[in-house]
Amino acid sequence: MNLVLKATQFAALKHCDQRRKDGKTPYIIHPISVAMILSEIGSIEDPEILSAALLHDTLEDTGEALEGIKEQFGQEVATIVDGVTKLDRIKFDTKEAQQAASMRKMLVAVAKDLRVLLIKLGDRLHNMRTIASLPKWKQQRIATETLDIYAPLAHRLGMQGLKNELEDLAFAA
């Protein structure tokens, strides 16, 4: 079976009872949207990154074990999913520009595989596109974090379109 199709089915099953913060949208829309964003960025067609994008929240949000991902999808996909999960565990404090610069460096250092950062950027872009369902204070915190960390990271990676959209959405929030 096609790896991406298998990952889509697996993620849909794992997230079947979950909803996004708005309480209405099925959660599976998020990982599918992240995979679609990645497929649009430079026409990424790598089945491992697209599969990992589809599975990127399964470890934290569904209780699925890393070993299960490895058995189902292989070491490469499991390593990428694990890398994204580890990045999600880093707590941001973006009150000062120096902290943001240090955090960007740490993100790059932690992500031994560039695909981890690409998924994280796709994840942030989709979250910014759907930020309206959050309380205003949380929108502002996430927007500031996006401007301080994610937009500059996208710029460093030469992803000008992604950087611009992240900035536009952050300023709007």
Protein backbone atom coordinates (compact mmCIF):
# COMPACT_ATOMS: atom_id res chain seq x y z
CA MET A 1 0.00 0.00 0.00
CA ASN A 2 1.17 3.52 -0.74
CA LEU A 3 2.96 4.91 2.34
CA VAL A 4 1.09 8.24 2.29
CA LEU A 5 -2.29 6.57 1.93
CA LYS A 6 -1.43 4.18 4.77
CA ALA A 7 -0.38 7.14 6.97
CA THR A 8 -3.61 9.00 6.12
CA GLN A 9 -5.72 6.02 7.11
CA PHE A 10 -3.70 5.43 10.28
CA ALA A 11 -3.90 9.09 11.35
CA ALA A 12 -7.63 9.23 10.59
CA LEU A 13 -8.20 6.19 12.77
CA LYS A 14 -6.04 7.49 15.62
CA HIS A 15 -7.65 10.97 15.59
CA CYS A 16 -11.22 9.79 14.85
CA ASP A 17 -12.73 11.02 18.13
CA GLN A 18 -10.76 14.28 18.33
CA ARG A 19 -11.81 17.80 17.32
CA ARG A 20 -9.87 21.00 16.74
CA LYS A 21 -10.09 23.84 19.28
CA ASP A 22 -13.25 25.17 17.61
CA GLY A 23 -15.00 22.00 18.79
CA LYS A 24 -16.47 21.33 15.34
CA THR A 25 -13.67 20.54 12.94
CA PRO A 26 -12.44 16.93 12.93
CA TYR A 27 -8.82 16.88 14.11
CA ILE A 28 -7.64 14.89 11.08
CA ILE A 29 -8.09 18.07 9.01
CA HIS A 30 -4.98 19.48 10.71
CA PRO A 31 -2.44 16.77 9.77
CA ILE A 32 -3.92 16.53 6.28
CA SER A 33 -3.57 20.32 5.92
CA VAL A 34 0.04 20.20 7.11
CA ALA A 35 0.84 17.50 4.53
CA MET A 36 -0.89 19.58 1.83
CA ILE A 37 1.12 22.68 2.79
CA LEU A 38 4.32 20.65 2.49
CA SER A 39 3.27 19.25 -0.87
CA GLU A 40 2.79 22.83 -2.09
CA ILE A 41 6.18 24.02 -0.81
CA GLY A 42 8.57 23.38 -3.62
CA SER A 43 6.44 20.46 -4.79
CA ILE A 44 7.70 18.16 -2.04
CA GLU A 45 6.87 14.63 -3.10
CA ASP A 46 8.90 12.70 -0.56
CA PRO A 47 6.52 10.03 0.82
CA GLU A 48 8.40 9.90 4.13
CA ILE A 49 7.96 13.61 4.92
CA LEU A 50 4.32 13.60 3.80
CA SER A 51 3.65 10.50 5.91
CA ALA A 52 5.42 12.03 8.91
CA ALA A 53 3.37 15.22 8.45
CA LEU A 54 0.20 13.14 8.58
CA LEU A 55 1.44 11.38 11.72
CA HIS A 56 3.12 14.33 13.43
CA ASP A 57 0.62 14.62 16.31
CA THR A 58 -0.04 10.93 16.91
CA LEU A 59 2.58 10.45 19.64
CA GLU A 60 1.37 13.33 21.79
CA ASP A 61 -2.33 13.39 21.01
CA THR A 62 -3.32 9.75 20.65
CA GLY A 63 -1.09 7.76 22.94
CA GLU A 64 0.47 5.90 20.01
CA ALA A 65 3.98 4.72 20.85
CA LEU A 66 7.00 5.59 18.75
CA GLU A 67 7.66 1.87 18.35
CA GLY A 68 4.23 1.48 16.72
CA ILE A 69 5.04 4.21 14.21
CA LYS A 70 8.39 2.55 13.50
CA GLU A 71 6.76 -0.87 12.95
CA GLN A 72 4.04 0.51 10.68
CA PHE A 73 6.02 3.12 8.71
CA GLY A 74 9.71 2.42 9.15
CA GLN A 75 12.61 4.00 11.00
CA GLU A 76 12.86 7.08 8.78
CA VAL A 77 9.24 8.18 9.30
CA ALA A 78 9.44 7.35 13.02
CA THR A 79 12.59 9.46 13.41
CA ILE A 80 10.94 12.46 11.73
CA VAL A 81 7.76 12.11 13.83
CA ASP A 82 9.87 11.82 16.98
CA GLY A 83 11.84 14.94 16.00
CA VAL A 84 8.65 16.97 15.54
CA THR A 85 7.33 15.69 18.88
CA LYS A 86 10.55 16.75 20.61
CA LEU A 87 10.31 20.22 19.06
CA ASP A 88 6.75 20.51 20.37
CA ARG A 89 8.04 19.92 23.89
CA ILE A 90 10.31 22.98 23.76
CA LYS A 91 8.61 25.83 25.58
CA PHE A 92 9.06 29.27 24.06
CA ASP A 93 9.62 32.48 25.96
CA THR A 94 9.80 35.15 23.29
CA LYS A 95 9.93 38.28 25.43
CA GLU A 96 13.31 39.32 24.08
CA ALA A 97 14.81 39.12 20.60
CA GLN A 98 17.97 37.46 21.95
CA GLN A 99 15.93 34.59 23.34
CA ALA A 100 14.22 34.18 19.98
CA ALA A 101 17.56 34.06 18.15
CA SER A 102 18.82 31.45 20.61
CA MET A 103 15.63 29.45 20.20
CA ARG A 104 15.98 29.45 16.38
CA LYS A 105 19.53 28.15 16.73
CA MET A 106 18.36 25.45 19.13
CA LEU A 107 15.56 24.43 16.77
CA VAL A 108 18.05 24.01 13.96
CA ALA A 109 20.43 22.08 16.22
CA VAL A 110 17.71 19.79 17.56
CA ALA A 111 16.34 19.07 14.12
CA LYS A 112 19.02 16.87 12.62
CA ASP A 113 16.71 16.28 9.69
CA LEU A 114 15.51 19.38 7.83
CA ARG A 115 12.19 17.62 7.23
CA VAL A 116 11.42 17.99 10.94
CA LEU A 117 11.61 21.77 10.61
CA LEU A 118 9.57 21.74 7.40
CA ILE A 119 6.78 19.85 9.17
CA LYS A 120 6.96 22.24 12.13
CA LEU A 121 6.70 25.22 9.77
CA GLY A 122 3.74 23.63 7.98
CA ASP A 123 2.15 22.89 11.35
CA ARG A 124 2.57 26.52 12.45
CA LEU A 125 1.20 27.85 9.17
CA HIS A 126 -1.95 25.76 9.44
CA ASN A 127 -2.36 26.74 13.10
CA MET A 128 -2.02 30.40 12.11
CA ARG A 129 -4.60 29.97 9.36
CA THR A 130 -7.06 28.63 11.95
CA ILE A 131 -6.09 30.84 14.91
CA ALA A 132 -9.41 32.72 15.05
CA SER A 133 -11.01 30.00 17.20
CA LEU A 134 -8.62 30.75 20.09
CA PRO A 135 -9.03 33.41 22.78
CA LYS A 136 -7.51 36.78 21.85
CA TRP A 137 -4.74 36.56 24.47
CA LYS A 138 -3.62 33.20 23.08
CA GLN A 139 -3.78 34.48 19.50
CA GLN A 140 -1.46 37.33 20.45
CA ARG A 141 1.01 35.02 22.23
CA ILE A 142 1.11 32.62 19.27
CA ALA A 143 1.39 35.51 16.79
CA THR A 144 4.36 36.96 18.69
CA GLU A 145 6.04 33.56 18.79
CA THR A 146 5.42 33.20 15.06
CA LEU A 147 7.02 36.59 14.32
CA ASP A 148 9.98 35.99 16.61
CA ILE A 149 10.78 32.39 15.71
CA TYR A 150 8.93 30.78 12.81
CA ALA A 151 8.90 33.57 10.21
CA PRO A 152 12.67 34.21 10.61
CA LEU A 153 13.29 30.45 10.46
CA ALA A 154 11.33 30.23 7.19
CA HIS A 155 13.37 33.18 5.88
CA ARG A 156 16.65 31.44 6.80
CA LEU A 157 15.50 28.36 4.94
CA GLY A 158 14.76 30.47 1.84
CA MET A 159 11.00 29.99 2.08
CA GLN A 160 9.94 33.57 1.35
CA GLY A 161 6.30 32.79 0.54
CA LEU A 162 5.85 30.86 3.77
CA LYS A 163 7.60 33.61 5.74
CA ASN A 164 5.34 36.26 4.22
CA GLU A 165 2.16 34.33 4.97
CA LEU A 166 3.25 33.65 8.55
CA GLU A 167 3.96 37.36 9.04
CA ASP A 168 0.68 38.44 7.45
CA LEU A 169 -1.33 36.07 9.63
CA ALA A 170 0.61 37.03 12.76
CA PHE A 171 0.11 40.76 12.18
CA ALA A 172 -3.59 40.17 11.56
CA ALA A 173 -3.88 38.41 14.92
